[in-house]
N, C-alpha and C. Protein backbone atom coordinates (compact mmCIF):
# COMPACT_ATOMS: atom_id res chain seq x y z
N MET A 1 262.13 134.43 211.90
CA MET A 1 261.68 135.68 211.58
C MET A 1 260.84 136.44 212.79
N ASP A 2 260.59 137.28 213.30
CA ASP A 2 259.54 138.67 213.63
C ASP A 2 258.90 138.41 212.35
N MET A 3 257.16 138.33 212.77
CA MET A 3 256.63 138.84 211.37
C MET A 3 256.29 139.90 211.00
N MET A 4 256.20 141.07 211.83
CA MET A 4 256.60 142.44 211.69
C MET A 4 257.39 142.48 210.63
N ARG A 5 258.58 142.48 210.88
CA ARG A 5 259.95 142.54 210.58
C ARG A 5 259.98 142.09 209.00
N LYS A 6 259.02 140.83 209.41
CA LYS A 6 259.47 139.89 207.92
C LYS A 6 258.32 140.91 206.71
N THR A 7 257.32 141.42 207.48
CA THR A 7 256.39 142.26 206.87
C THR A 7 256.59 143.67 206.23
N LEU A 8 257.58 144.66 207.26
CA LEU A 8 258.35 145.64 207.04
C LEU A 8 259.49 146.06 205.54
N GLY A 9 260.18 144.39 206.06
CA GLY A 9 261.23 144.25 204.59
C GLY A 9 260.51 143.49 203.25
N PHE A 10 259.34 142.94 204.06
CA PHE A 10 258.07 142.88 202.26
C PHE A 10 257.82 144.37 201.49
N LEU A 11 257.57 144.90 202.52
CA LEU A 11 256.82 146.60 201.66
C LEU A 11 257.88 147.08 201.10
N ARG A 12 259.39 146.58 201.72
CA ARG A 12 260.47 147.73 201.38
C ARG A 12 260.89 147.08 199.95
N SER A 13 260.96 145.58 199.72
CA SER A 13 261.29 144.91 198.46
C SER A 13 260.13 145.36 197.58
N LEU A 14 258.92 145.43 197.86
CA LEU A 14 257.79 145.80 196.89
C LEU A 14 257.71 146.99 196.51
N ARG A 15 258.10 148.04 197.24
CA ARG A 15 258.37 149.81 196.73
C ARG A 15 259.50 149.60 195.57
N ARG A 16 260.50 148.68 195.85
CA ARG A 16 261.34 148.75 194.72
C ARG A 16 261.56 148.00 193.23
N HIS A 17 260.30 146.91 193.90
CA HIS A 17 259.67 145.93 192.60
C HIS A 17 258.77 145.94 192.54
N ASN A 18 257.58 146.98 192.33
CA ASN A 18 256.49 147.09 192.27
C ASN A 18 255.54 146.62 190.73
N ASP A 19 255.81 144.80 190.51
CA ASP A 19 255.56 144.56 189.57
C ASP A 19 254.80 143.54 189.17
N ARG A 20 253.99 143.50 188.64
CA ARG A 20 253.31 141.49 188.93
C ARG A 20 254.44 140.35 188.83
N GLU A 21 255.49 140.43 188.30
CA GLU A 21 256.52 139.10 188.06
C GLU A 21 257.01 139.14 189.30
N TRP A 22 257.68 140.37 189.87
CA TRP A 22 258.05 139.99 191.37
C TRP A 22 257.26 139.81 192.23
N PHE A 23 255.78 140.14 192.22
CA PHE A 23 254.89 139.49 193.09
C PHE A 23 254.74 138.37 193.22
N ASN A 24 254.49 137.98 192.18
CA ASN A 24 253.65 136.41 191.87
C ASN A 24 255.28 135.17 192.32
N ALA A 25 256.23 136.05 192.18
CA ALA A 25 257.48 135.09 192.70
C ALA A 25 257.60 134.96 194.02
N HIS A 26 257.34 135.79 194.90
CA HIS A 26 256.98 136.31 196.49
C HIS A 26 255.31 136.22 196.77
N LYS A 27 254.70 135.38 196.05
CA LYS A 27 253.36 134.90 196.38
C LYS A 27 252.90 134.61 197.90
N GLU A 28 254.13 133.23 198.18
CA GLU A 28 253.89 132.26 199.41
C GLU A 28 254.29 133.78 200.65
N GLU A 29 255.31 134.45 200.37
CA GLU A 29 255.73 135.18 201.53
C GLU A 29 254.59 136.15 201.72
N TYR A 30 253.93 136.26 200.48
CA TYR A 30 252.67 137.64 200.81
C TYR A 30 251.71 137.07 201.42
N LEU A 31 251.14 135.55 201.48
CA LEU A 31 249.92 134.86 201.99
C LEU A 31 250.81 134.72 203.68
N GLN A 32 251.65 134.44 203.85
CA GLN A 32 252.15 134.22 205.22
C GLN A 32 252.09 135.72 206.04
N ILE A 33 252.13 136.70 205.34
CA ILE A 33 252.40 138.47 205.61
C ILE A 33 250.61 138.42 205.81
N LYS A 34 250.00 138.22 204.80
CA LYS A 34 248.38 138.52 205.26
C LYS A 34 248.06 137.81 206.12
N ALA A 35 248.27 136.77 206.62
CA ALA A 35 247.66 135.80 207.56
C ALA A 35 247.95 136.33 208.91
N TYR A 36 249.16 136.50 208.63
CA TYR A 36 249.70 137.61 210.26
C TYR A 36 248.89 138.96 210.57
N VAL A 37 248.85 139.69 209.17
CA VAL A 37 248.06 140.78 209.45
C VAL A 37 246.50 140.25 210.06
N ASP A 38 245.96 139.02 209.50
CA ASP A 38 244.56 139.32 209.76
C ASP A 38 244.91 138.49 211.02
N GLU A 39 245.92 137.86 211.89
CA GLU A 39 245.77 137.95 213.48
C GLU A 39 245.97 139.34 213.74
N LEU A 40 246.84 139.63 213.56
CA LEU A 40 246.94 141.25 214.07
C LEU A 40 245.67 141.99 213.86
N ALA A 41 244.75 142.31 212.98
CA ALA A 41 243.66 142.68 213.25
C ALA A 41 242.58 142.37 214.44
N ALA A 42 242.41 140.85 214.35
CA ALA A 42 242.05 140.31 215.57
C ALA A 42 242.10 140.74 216.55
N ARG A 43 243.54 140.96 217.11
CA ARG A 43 244.11 141.54 218.40
C ARG A 43 243.54 142.70 218.23
N LEU A 44 243.96 143.68 217.33
CA LEU A 44 243.23 145.17 217.40
C LEU A 44 241.91 145.27 217.68
N ILE A 45 241.02 144.49 217.11
CA ILE A 45 240.21 144.43 217.36
C ILE A 45 239.09 144.20 218.44
N ALA A 46 239.64 143.01 219.57
CA ALA A 46 239.90 142.57 220.90
C ALA A 46 240.02 143.65 221.47
N GLU A 47 241.05 144.80 221.35
CA GLU A 47 241.64 145.41 222.13
C GLU A 47 240.60 146.98 221.94
N VAL A 48 240.12 147.07 221.13
CA VAL A 48 239.27 148.12 220.38
C VAL A 48 237.94 148.09 221.40
N ALA A 49 237.84 146.89 221.19
CA ALA A 49 236.11 146.06 222.17
C ALA A 49 236.24 146.71 223.38
N LYS A 50 237.69 146.53 223.96
CA LYS A 50 237.42 146.79 225.50
C LYS A 50 236.93 148.37 225.95
N VAL A 51 237.32 149.44 224.41
CA VAL A 51 236.80 150.40 224.95
C VAL A 51 235.16 151.30 224.41
N ASP A 52 235.04 149.88 222.93
CA ASP A 52 233.79 150.43 222.46
C ASP A 52 233.16 148.69 222.16
N SER A 53 232.44 148.37 222.84
CA SER A 53 231.80 146.91 223.10
C SER A 53 231.59 146.39 221.42
N ARG A 54 231.04 147.52 220.92
CA ARG A 54 229.95 147.28 218.93
C ARG A 54 231.70 146.64 218.54
N ALA A 55 232.28 147.07 218.69
CA ALA A 55 233.95 146.55 217.83
C ALA A 55 233.95 144.73 217.50
N SER A 56 233.73 143.96 219.00
CA SER A 56 233.35 143.16 219.33
C SER A 56 232.65 141.84 217.99
N GLY A 57 231.61 142.84 217.21
CA GLY A 57 231.26 142.23 216.23
C GLY A 57 231.84 142.33 214.82
N LEU A 58 233.48 142.96 214.84
CA LEU A 58 233.68 142.88 213.21
C LEU A 58 234.85 141.86 213.25
N THR A 59 235.33 141.55 212.09
CA THR A 59 236.02 140.61 212.09
C THR A 59 237.30 141.41 210.67
N PRO A 60 238.24 140.10 210.81
CA PRO A 60 239.95 141.33 210.38
C PRO A 60 239.02 141.43 208.57
N VAL A 61 238.18 140.77 208.23
CA VAL A 61 237.88 140.86 206.90
C VAL A 61 237.07 142.39 206.56
N ASP A 62 236.49 142.72 207.72
CA ASP A 62 235.64 144.26 208.05
C ASP A 62 236.59 145.14 207.92
N CYS A 63 237.75 145.08 208.46
CA CYS A 63 238.79 145.79 208.50
C CYS A 63 240.50 146.03 207.74
N THR A 64 240.69 145.39 207.09
CA THR A 64 241.40 145.12 206.01
C THR A 64 241.84 145.55 204.76
N TYR A 65 242.24 145.51 204.13
CA TYR A 65 242.19 145.93 202.66
C TYR A 65 243.01 145.17 201.83
N ARG A 66 242.63 144.42 200.65
CA ARG A 66 243.70 144.31 199.35
C ARG A 66 244.57 145.09 199.13
N ILE A 67 245.70 144.69 198.58
CA ILE A 67 247.06 144.94 198.14
C ILE A 67 246.81 145.48 197.22
N TYR A 68 246.13 144.89 196.25
CA TYR A 68 245.90 145.20 194.53
C TYR A 68 245.58 146.43 194.37
N ARG A 69 245.97 147.50 193.82
CA ARG A 69 245.29 148.99 193.65
C ARG A 69 244.34 148.89 192.42
N ASP A 70 243.68 149.96 192.25
CA ASP A 70 242.68 149.86 191.41
C ASP A 70 243.30 150.93 190.27
N THR A 71 243.42 150.63 189.28
CA THR A 71 244.60 151.89 188.85
C THR A 71 243.96 152.47 187.43
N ARG A 72 242.41 152.19 187.33
CA ARG A 72 241.73 152.04 186.23
C ARG A 72 241.82 153.73 185.98
N PHE A 73 241.48 154.67 187.15
CA PHE A 73 241.27 156.06 186.58
C PHE A 73 242.78 156.61 187.66
N SER A 74 243.74 156.09 187.43
CA SER A 74 245.14 156.37 188.23
C SER A 74 245.88 156.67 187.52
N PRO A 75 247.16 157.99 186.95
CA PRO A 75 248.04 158.48 186.25
C PRO A 75 249.32 156.73 186.63
N ASP A 76 248.90 156.83 188.02
CA ASP A 76 250.17 155.83 188.63
C ASP A 76 249.58 154.49 188.48
N LYS A 77 250.15 153.30 187.69
CA LYS A 77 249.64 152.07 186.74
C LYS A 77 250.56 151.12 187.96
N THR A 78 251.14 151.52 188.91
CA THR A 78 251.79 150.33 189.96
C THR A 78 250.79 149.32 190.38
N PRO A 79 250.49 148.05 190.54
CA PRO A 79 249.70 147.08 190.51
C PRO A 79 249.31 146.95 191.95
N TYR A 80 250.43 147.47 192.98
CA TYR A 80 250.21 146.92 194.22
C TYR A 80 250.57 148.11 195.71
N LYS A 81 249.43 148.07 196.41
CA LYS A 81 250.01 149.01 197.40
C LYS A 81 251.15 148.97 197.94
N THR A 82 251.96 149.29 198.69
CA THR A 82 253.39 149.62 199.15
C THR A 82 253.12 149.75 200.92
N HIS A 83 251.84 149.40 201.32
CA HIS A 83 251.67 150.19 202.54
C HIS A 83 250.29 148.89 203.10
N ILE A 84 249.83 148.75 204.32
CA ILE A 84 248.98 147.90 204.86
C ILE A 84 248.39 148.68 206.08
N GLY A 85 247.03 148.40 205.94
CA GLY A 85 246.58 149.16 206.30
C GLY A 85 245.33 148.41 207.59
N ILE A 86 244.61 148.61 208.52
CA ILE A 86 244.32 148.04 209.22
C ILE A 86 243.00 149.14 210.00
N PHE A 87 241.93 149.10 209.61
CA PHE A 87 241.16 150.37 209.89
C PHE A 87 239.81 149.44 211.36
N ILE A 88 239.79 149.83 212.19
CA ILE A 88 239.20 149.18 213.11
C ILE A 88 237.95 149.73 213.25
N ASN A 89 236.64 150.09 212.55
CA ASN A 89 235.37 151.10 212.92
C ASN A 89 233.86 150.18 213.09
N PRO A 90 233.97 150.43 214.28
CA PRO A 90 232.68 149.72 215.07
C PRO A 90 231.31 150.78 214.99
N PRO A 91 230.29 150.11 214.12
CA PRO A 91 229.73 148.92 214.25
C PRO A 91 229.70 148.35 212.77
N GLY A 92 230.20 149.53 211.99
CA GLY A 92 229.94 149.18 210.26
C GLY A 92 231.28 148.67 210.19
N GLY A 93 232.52 148.74 210.21
CA GLY A 93 233.28 148.41 209.32
C GLY A 93 234.06 149.28 208.61
N LYS A 94 235.30 148.93 208.07
CA LYS A 94 235.94 150.34 207.24
C LYS A 94 234.99 151.11 206.36
N LYS A 95 234.16 150.63 205.61
CA LYS A 95 233.34 151.49 204.20
C LYS A 95 232.28 152.36 205.37
N SER A 96 232.27 152.12 206.71
CA SER A 96 231.55 153.22 207.32
C SER A 96 231.92 154.49 207.63
N MET A 97 231.44 155.69 207.46
CA MET A 97 231.57 157.16 207.51
C MET A 97 232.26 157.51 209.16
N THR A 98 231.75 156.74 210.17
CA THR A 98 232.12 157.02 211.48
C THR A 98 233.56 156.65 211.37
N CYS A 99 233.93 157.55 212.54
CA CYS A 99 235.38 157.14 212.68
C CYS A 99 235.96 156.17 213.47
N GLY A 100 236.78 156.01 213.35
CA GLY A 100 237.39 154.31 213.63
C GLY A 100 238.90 154.57 214.18
N TYR A 101 239.74 153.17 213.93
CA TYR A 101 241.09 153.42 214.74
C TYR A 101 241.68 152.75 213.68
N TYR A 102 242.73 153.71 213.12
CA TYR A 102 243.63 153.21 212.09
C TYR A 102 244.95 152.46 212.16
N LEU A 103 245.66 151.71 211.54
CA LEU A 103 247.07 151.37 212.06
C LEU A 103 247.64 151.42 210.52
N HIS A 104 248.39 152.19 210.13
CA HIS A 104 248.89 152.23 209.01
C HIS A 104 250.29 151.63 208.87
N ILE A 105 251.13 150.85 208.27
CA ILE A 105 252.26 150.29 208.34
C ILE A 105 252.93 150.22 207.06
N GLU A 106 253.85 151.12 206.73
CA GLU A 106 254.94 151.72 205.75
C GLU A 106 256.12 151.59 206.35
N PRO A 107 257.09 151.09 205.54
CA PRO A 107 258.32 151.62 206.30
C PRO A 107 258.98 152.74 206.08
N ASP A 108 259.20 153.53 207.77
CA ASP A 108 259.67 154.85 207.50
C ASP A 108 258.51 155.89 207.51
N ASN A 109 257.16 155.08 207.26
CA ASN A 109 255.81 156.10 207.42
C ASN A 109 254.89 155.18 208.34
N CYS A 110 255.02 154.75 209.54
CA CYS A 110 253.90 154.15 209.83
C CYS A 110 253.19 155.05 211.09
N MET A 111 251.89 154.77 211.21
CA MET A 111 250.91 155.55 211.81
C MET A 111 249.97 154.81 212.93
N PHE A 112 249.34 155.54 213.67
CA PHE A 112 248.46 155.42 214.24
C PHE A 112 247.30 156.53 214.24
N ALA A 113 245.92 156.18 213.99
CA ALA A 113 245.50 157.39 213.70
C ALA A 113 243.73 157.23 214.09
N ALA A 114 243.22 158.42 214.41
CA ALA A 114 241.75 158.35 214.68
C ALA A 114 240.94 158.84 213.74
N GLY A 115 239.90 158.56 213.35
CA GLY A 115 239.15 160.11 212.65
C GLY A 115 238.78 159.15 211.29
N THR A 116 237.66 159.80 210.56
CA THR A 116 237.19 159.52 209.28
C THR A 116 237.67 160.54 208.39
N ILE A 117 237.56 160.17 206.94
CA ILE A 117 238.14 161.40 205.95
C ILE A 117 236.79 160.99 204.86
N CYS A 118 236.79 162.07 203.95
CA CYS A 118 235.61 161.59 202.94
C CYS A 118 234.45 161.50 202.72
N LEU A 119 234.01 163.00 204.18
CA LEU A 119 233.04 162.96 204.06
C LEU A 119 231.77 163.42 203.05
N PRO A 120 230.80 163.36 203.36
CA PRO A 120 230.09 164.51 202.19
C PRO A 120 229.86 166.12 202.44
N SER A 121 229.81 166.73 201.93
CA SER A 121 230.17 168.01 202.41
C SER A 121 229.06 168.25 203.44
N PRO A 122 227.58 168.12 203.42
CA PRO A 122 226.94 168.44 204.56
C PRO A 122 227.05 168.26 205.88
N LEU A 123 228.24 166.97 206.07
CA LEU A 123 228.24 166.57 207.22
C LEU A 123 229.77 167.13 207.33
N VAL A 124 230.18 167.11 207.00
CA VAL A 124 231.61 168.08 207.22
C VAL A 124 231.31 169.71 207.68
N LYS A 125 230.31 169.96 207.26
CA LYS A 125 229.53 171.46 207.75
C LYS A 125 229.19 171.29 209.09
N ALA A 126 227.90 170.22 209.38
CA ALA A 126 227.54 169.73 210.74
C ALA A 126 228.47 169.70 211.66
N ILE A 127 229.65 168.93 211.20
CA ILE A 127 230.51 168.78 212.29
C ILE A 127 231.34 170.16 212.47
N ARG A 128 231.59 170.78 211.41
CA ARG A 128 232.57 172.39 212.16
C ARG A 128 231.58 173.04 213.16
N LYS A 129 230.39 172.67 212.64
CA LYS A 129 229.66 173.46 213.55
C LYS A 129 228.99 173.26 215.13
N SER A 130 229.25 172.07 215.14
CA SER A 130 229.32 170.98 216.28
C SER A 130 230.97 171.53 217.57
N ILE A 131 232.00 171.50 216.39
CA ILE A 131 233.04 172.01 216.96
C ILE A 131 232.92 173.48 217.44
N TYR A 132 232.87 173.76 216.44
CA TYR A 132 232.33 175.51 216.82
C TYR A 132 231.08 175.83 218.33
N ASP A 133 230.20 174.93 218.20
CA ASP A 133 229.15 175.30 219.34
C ASP A 133 229.87 174.74 220.55
N GLU A 134 230.70 173.42 220.43
CA GLU A 134 230.96 172.92 221.76
C GLU A 134 232.51 172.75 221.60
N ILE A 135 232.79 174.14 221.61
CA ILE A 135 234.57 174.02 221.61
C ILE A 135 235.16 174.06 222.89
N ASP A 136 234.52 174.40 223.87
CA ASP A 136 235.19 174.25 225.13
C ASP A 136 235.59 172.58 225.00
N GLU A 137 234.35 171.75 224.91
CA GLU A 137 234.71 170.36 225.31
C GLU A 137 235.67 169.72 224.28
N PHE A 138 235.53 170.46 222.54
CA PHE A 138 236.67 169.76 221.96
C PHE A 138 237.96 169.75 222.20
N ARG A 139 238.23 171.21 222.53
CA ARG A 139 239.44 171.58 223.17
C ARG A 139 239.91 170.60 224.50
N SER A 140 238.98 170.07 225.42
CA SER A 140 239.63 169.29 226.61
C SER A 140 240.05 168.37 225.82
N ILE A 141 239.64 167.67 224.89
CA ILE A 141 240.34 166.10 224.13
C ILE A 141 241.50 166.82 223.33
N VAL A 142 240.92 167.84 222.53
CA VAL A 142 242.79 167.78 221.52
C VAL A 142 243.74 168.44 222.24
N GLU A 143 243.63 169.06 222.98
CA GLU A 143 244.60 169.81 224.18
C GLU A 143 244.99 169.44 225.41
N ASP A 144 244.52 168.17 225.66
CA ASP A 144 244.84 167.77 227.01
C ASP A 144 246.25 167.03 226.77
N GLU A 145 246.51 167.12 227.85
CA GLU A 145 248.16 166.64 227.45
C GLU A 145 248.53 165.13 227.51
N ASP A 146 247.63 164.31 227.99
CA ASP A 146 248.09 162.84 227.31
C ASP A 146 247.71 162.48 226.16
N PHE A 147 246.65 163.64 225.02
CA PHE A 147 246.16 163.36 223.86
C PHE A 147 247.03 163.59 223.16
N ARG A 148 247.39 164.94 223.34
CA ARG A 148 248.97 165.60 222.91
C ARG A 148 249.93 164.77 222.73
N LYS A 149 250.41 164.12 223.78
CA LYS A 149 251.48 163.24 224.46
C LYS A 149 251.47 162.34 222.77
N LEU A 150 250.42 161.62 222.46
CA LEU A 150 250.61 160.91 221.49
C LEU A 150 250.30 161.35 220.24
N PHE A 151 248.78 162.34 219.95
CA PHE A 151 248.41 162.67 218.70
C PHE A 151 248.97 163.76 218.42
N THR A 152 249.89 164.01 217.64
CA THR A 152 250.73 165.22 217.41
C THR A 152 250.14 165.97 215.94
N ASN A 153 249.52 165.40 215.26
CA ASN A 153 248.71 165.76 213.89
C ASN A 153 247.26 166.06 213.99
N LEU A 154 246.83 167.21 213.75
CA LEU A 154 245.45 167.27 214.02
C LEU A 154 244.70 167.99 212.91
N GLY A 155 243.95 166.63 212.42
CA GLY A 155 243.20 167.51 210.79
C GLY A 155 243.86 167.27 209.42
N ALA A 156 243.02 167.37 208.48
CA ALA A 156 243.65 166.95 207.15
C ALA A 156 243.05 167.55 206.11
N ASN A 157 243.48 168.16 204.98
CA ASN A 157 242.76 168.53 203.88
C ASN A 157 242.10 169.99 204.29
N PRO A 158 243.25 170.81 204.92
CA PRO A 158 242.24 172.01 205.19
C PRO A 158 241.61 173.19 203.87
N VAL A 159 240.42 173.91 204.22
CA VAL A 159 240.62 175.17 203.51
C VAL A 159 241.27 176.24 204.00
N LYS A 160 241.19 177.17 202.87
CA LYS A 160 242.36 177.89 203.49
C LYS A 160 242.20 179.30 203.75
N THR A 161 240.25 179.43 204.08
CA THR A 161 239.57 180.55 204.56
C THR A 161 238.66 180.11 205.75
N ALA A 162 238.15 181.04 206.53
CA ALA A 162 236.86 180.29 207.42
C ALA A 162 236.03 180.04 206.45
N PRO A 163 235.69 178.35 206.84
CA PRO A 163 234.49 177.91 206.08
C PRO A 163 233.21 178.93 206.64
N GLN A 164 232.06 178.57 205.45
CA GLN A 164 231.31 179.18 205.83
C GLN A 164 230.67 179.26 207.22
N GLY A 165 229.82 180.07 207.20
CA GLY A 165 229.15 180.26 208.97
C GLY A 165 229.90 180.42 210.27
N ILE A 166 231.63 180.20 210.04
CA ILE A 166 232.53 180.47 210.88
C ILE A 166 233.02 181.91 210.74
N PRO A 167 233.07 183.06 212.08
CA PRO A 167 233.68 184.04 211.56
C PRO A 167 234.99 184.15 211.59
N ARG A 168 235.64 184.84 210.62
CA ARG A 168 236.92 184.56 210.53
C ARG A 168 237.93 184.99 211.23
N ASP A 169 237.58 185.56 212.31
CA ASP A 169 238.34 186.13 213.47
C ASP A 169 238.06 185.47 214.54
N TRP A 170 237.57 183.85 214.57
CA TRP A 170 237.24 183.38 215.47
C TRP A 170 238.33 182.77 216.22
N GLU A 171 238.95 182.64 217.28
CA GLU A 171 240.03 182.36 217.94
C GLU A 171 240.73 180.67 217.60
N PHE A 172 239.78 180.03 217.62
CA PHE A 172 240.10 178.45 217.18
C PHE A 172 239.97 178.24 215.87
N ILE A 173 240.01 178.89 214.65
CA ILE A 173 239.83 178.91 213.55
C ILE A 173 239.97 176.96 213.01
N GLU A 174 241.42 177.15 213.37
CA GLU A 174 241.92 176.25 212.89
C GLU A 174 241.25 174.80 212.95
N TYR A 175 240.46 174.75 213.95
CA TYR A 175 240.23 173.52 214.23
C TYR A 175 238.89 173.39 213.50
N VAL A 176 238.14 173.99 212.72
CA VAL A 176 237.38 173.82 211.92
C VAL A 176 237.78 173.84 210.62
N LYS A 177 238.77 173.79 209.83
CA LYS A 177 239.29 174.00 208.47
C LYS A 177 239.39 172.86 208.35
N PRO A 178 239.50 171.74 208.60
CA PRO A 178 239.98 170.26 208.03
C PRO A 178 238.91 170.17 207.05
N ARG A 179 238.85 169.07 205.90
CA ARG A 179 238.00 168.63 205.38
C ARG A 179 237.89 167.38 206.34
N ASP A 180 238.61 166.93 206.50
CA ASP A 180 239.24 164.96 207.01
C ASP A 180 239.34 165.15 208.95
N PHE A 181 238.52 164.50 209.38
CA PHE A 181 238.86 164.74 210.78
C PHE A 181 239.35 164.06 211.05
N LEU A 182 240.56 163.93 211.72
CA LEU A 182 241.60 162.85 211.81
C LEU A 182 242.88 163.39 213.06
N ALA A 183 243.19 162.52 213.78
CA ALA A 183 244.24 162.71 214.96
C ALA A 183 245.18 161.62 214.91
N ASP A 184 246.59 162.32 214.38
CA ASP A 184 247.53 161.01 213.70
C ASP A 184 248.32 160.89 214.82
N ALA A 185 249.47 159.64 215.09
CA ALA A 185 250.45 159.58 215.71
C ALA A 185 251.42 158.93 215.33
N PRO A 186 252.43 159.53 214.55
CA PRO A 186 253.72 158.62 213.82
C PRO A 186 254.05 158.08 215.08
N LEU A 187 254.53 156.56 214.37
CA LEU A 187 255.38 155.91 214.92
C LEU A 187 256.25 155.39 214.16
N THR A 188 257.18 155.22 214.80
CA THR A 188 258.81 154.39 214.35
C THR A 188 258.56 152.53 213.93
N ASP A 189 259.12 152.62 213.12
CA ASP A 189 259.25 150.69 212.72
C ASP A 189 259.74 150.00 214.06
N ASP A 190 260.83 150.75 214.92
CA ASP A 190 261.12 149.91 216.00
C ASP A 190 259.80 149.79 217.08
N PHE A 191 258.87 150.96 216.99
CA PHE A 191 257.40 151.09 217.98
C PHE A 191 257.12 149.62 217.32
N LEU A 192 256.61 149.49 216.36
CA LEU A 192 256.36 147.93 216.17
C LEU A 192 256.76 146.62 215.73
N LEU A 193 257.95 146.61 216.28
CA LEU A 193 258.90 145.52 216.48
C LEU A 193 258.94 145.05 217.91
N GLY A 194 258.51 143.88 218.27
CA GLY A 194 258.31 142.93 219.34
C GLY A 194 257.58 143.30 220.01
N GLY A 195 256.99 142.38 221.25
CA GLY A 195 255.89 142.98 221.92
C GLY A 195 254.66 142.72 221.44
N ASP A 196 253.84 143.03 222.32
CA ASP A 196 252.17 142.81 221.69
C ASP A 196 251.88 144.15 221.33
N LEU A 197 251.52 144.11 220.48
CA LEU A 197 251.72 145.61 219.56
C LEU A 197 250.25 146.26 219.68
N ALA A 198 249.10 144.92 219.66
CA ALA A 198 247.91 145.71 219.99
C ALA A 198 248.32 146.06 221.71
N GLU A 199 248.97 145.34 222.25
CA GLU A 199 248.80 145.89 223.63
C GLU A 199 249.44 147.65 223.69
N LYS A 200 250.64 147.52 223.25
CA LYS A 200 251.14 148.63 222.67
C LYS A 200 250.51 149.91 222.38
N LEU A 201 249.44 149.73 221.48
CA LEU A 201 248.90 150.48 221.11
C LEU A 201 247.30 150.69 222.17
N ALA A 202 246.97 150.28 223.08
CA ALA A 202 246.01 150.32 224.00
C ALA A 202 246.01 152.03 224.83
N PRO A 203 247.19 152.46 224.93
CA PRO A 203 247.16 154.10 225.20
C PRO A 203 246.28 154.92 224.20
N TYR A 204 247.37 154.70 222.86
CA TYR A 204 246.57 155.43 221.61
C TYR A 204 245.04 155.14 221.44
N ILE A 205 244.60 153.61 221.48
CA ILE A 205 242.99 153.91 221.41
C ILE A 205 242.62 154.07 222.41
N ALA A 206 242.67 154.24 223.48
CA ALA A 206 241.92 155.12 224.56
C ALA A 206 241.70 156.36 224.66
N GLN A 207 242.38 156.99 224.05
CA GLN A 207 243.06 158.67 223.70
C GLN A 207 242.24 158.88 222.34
N ALA A 208 242.26 157.77 221.29
CA ALA A 208 241.09 158.09 220.23
C ALA A 208 240.19 157.89 220.07
N LYS A 209 239.57 156.98 221.29
CA LYS A 209 238.16 156.53 221.93
C LYS A 209 237.35 158.08 221.89
N ARG A 210 238.29 158.91 222.58
CA ARG A 210 237.63 160.50 223.18
C ARG A 210 237.43 161.24 221.84
N PHE A 211 238.58 161.29 220.89
CA PHE A 211 238.35 162.48 219.92
C PHE A 211 236.96 161.53 218.64
N ASN A 212 237.16 160.44 218.72
CA ASN A 212 235.89 159.70 217.84
C ASN A 212 234.71 159.48 218.49
N ASP A 213 234.11 159.60 219.34
CA ASP A 213 233.15 159.90 220.11
C ASP A 213 232.63 161.66 219.91
N PHE A 214 233.37 162.42 219.89
CA PHE A 214 233.04 163.56 220.12
C PHE A 214 232.62 163.69 218.57
N ILE A 215 233.61 163.45 217.36
CA ILE A 215 232.96 163.37 215.85
C ILE A 215 231.54 162.70 215.55
N ASN A 216 232.15 161.11 215.95
CA ASN A 216 230.96 160.36 215.47
C ASN A 216 229.47 160.58 216.42
N TYR A 217 228.88 161.52 217.45
CA TYR A 217 227.98 162.38 217.58
C TYR A 217 227.19 162.98 216.58
N THR A 218 227.84 163.53 215.88
CA THR A 218 227.30 164.25 215.15
C THR A 218 226.96 163.57 213.48
N ILE A 219 228.01 162.61 213.24
CA ILE A 219 227.84 161.56 212.27
C ILE A 219 226.71 160.71 212.61
N GLU A 220 226.82 160.04 213.51
CA GLU A 220 225.57 159.39 214.24
C GLU A 220 224.16 160.02 214.08
N GLU A 221 224.38 161.39 214.54
CA GLU A 221 222.71 161.81 214.34
C GLU A 221 222.61 161.96 212.74
N TYR A 222 223.48 162.42 211.84
CA TYR A 222 223.28 162.78 210.38
C TYR A 222 222.87 161.60 209.93
N MET A 223 223.43 160.67 210.08
CA MET A 223 223.15 158.88 209.04
C MET A 223 222.04 158.24 210.23
N GLY A 224 220.95 159.17 211.38
CA GLY A 224 219.86 158.36 211.64
C GLY A 224 220.28 157.06 212.97
N LEU A 225 221.37 157.04 213.38
CA LEU A 225 221.45 155.68 213.94
C LEU A 225 221.69 156.16 215.24
């Protein structure tokens, strides 16, 4: 069986049986899927390294996540995630604040995304100012036809009104409302099946690089990189 098909099937079953008894009974299947995901992460790292050489220093462990949920402070006590994420974020890996390249594998909810989330407020403010000051450059990226063909959603977790320091009547106010700077591309399950997925994602990675570079300029300046 194609390993991606097996992965999606496992996640569907886990969604219906999210308990330790079921998971332990299917642990061997999960370990096979984990090995496959690590191989996929390695191929994605190599693909990202073609446009950003700093990615070549990353390993799958730098870019993948545990399937076990931290339930200590959550009302949802289900023990396992029902999705798989691979976040190629050069050069620091998945825990870095910089923008990266994220593949989300979840039945009927797959996507590829560029960007970053959960930044400190001063950095969010600095990125908004950068977009405001360099709006022509930013628009040349996010309004480009090739970019918009792939990335149909821009920004997440927006504020309701104009951010501090930005005129309320500014024509492009929607670009600076997000707290999370993302560009995401929904993917069908069928897209993930068959063929070399890393190769199929190469056009997404190339367009994501343009978006990431713009946002990362401010982040890296803020971090002193």
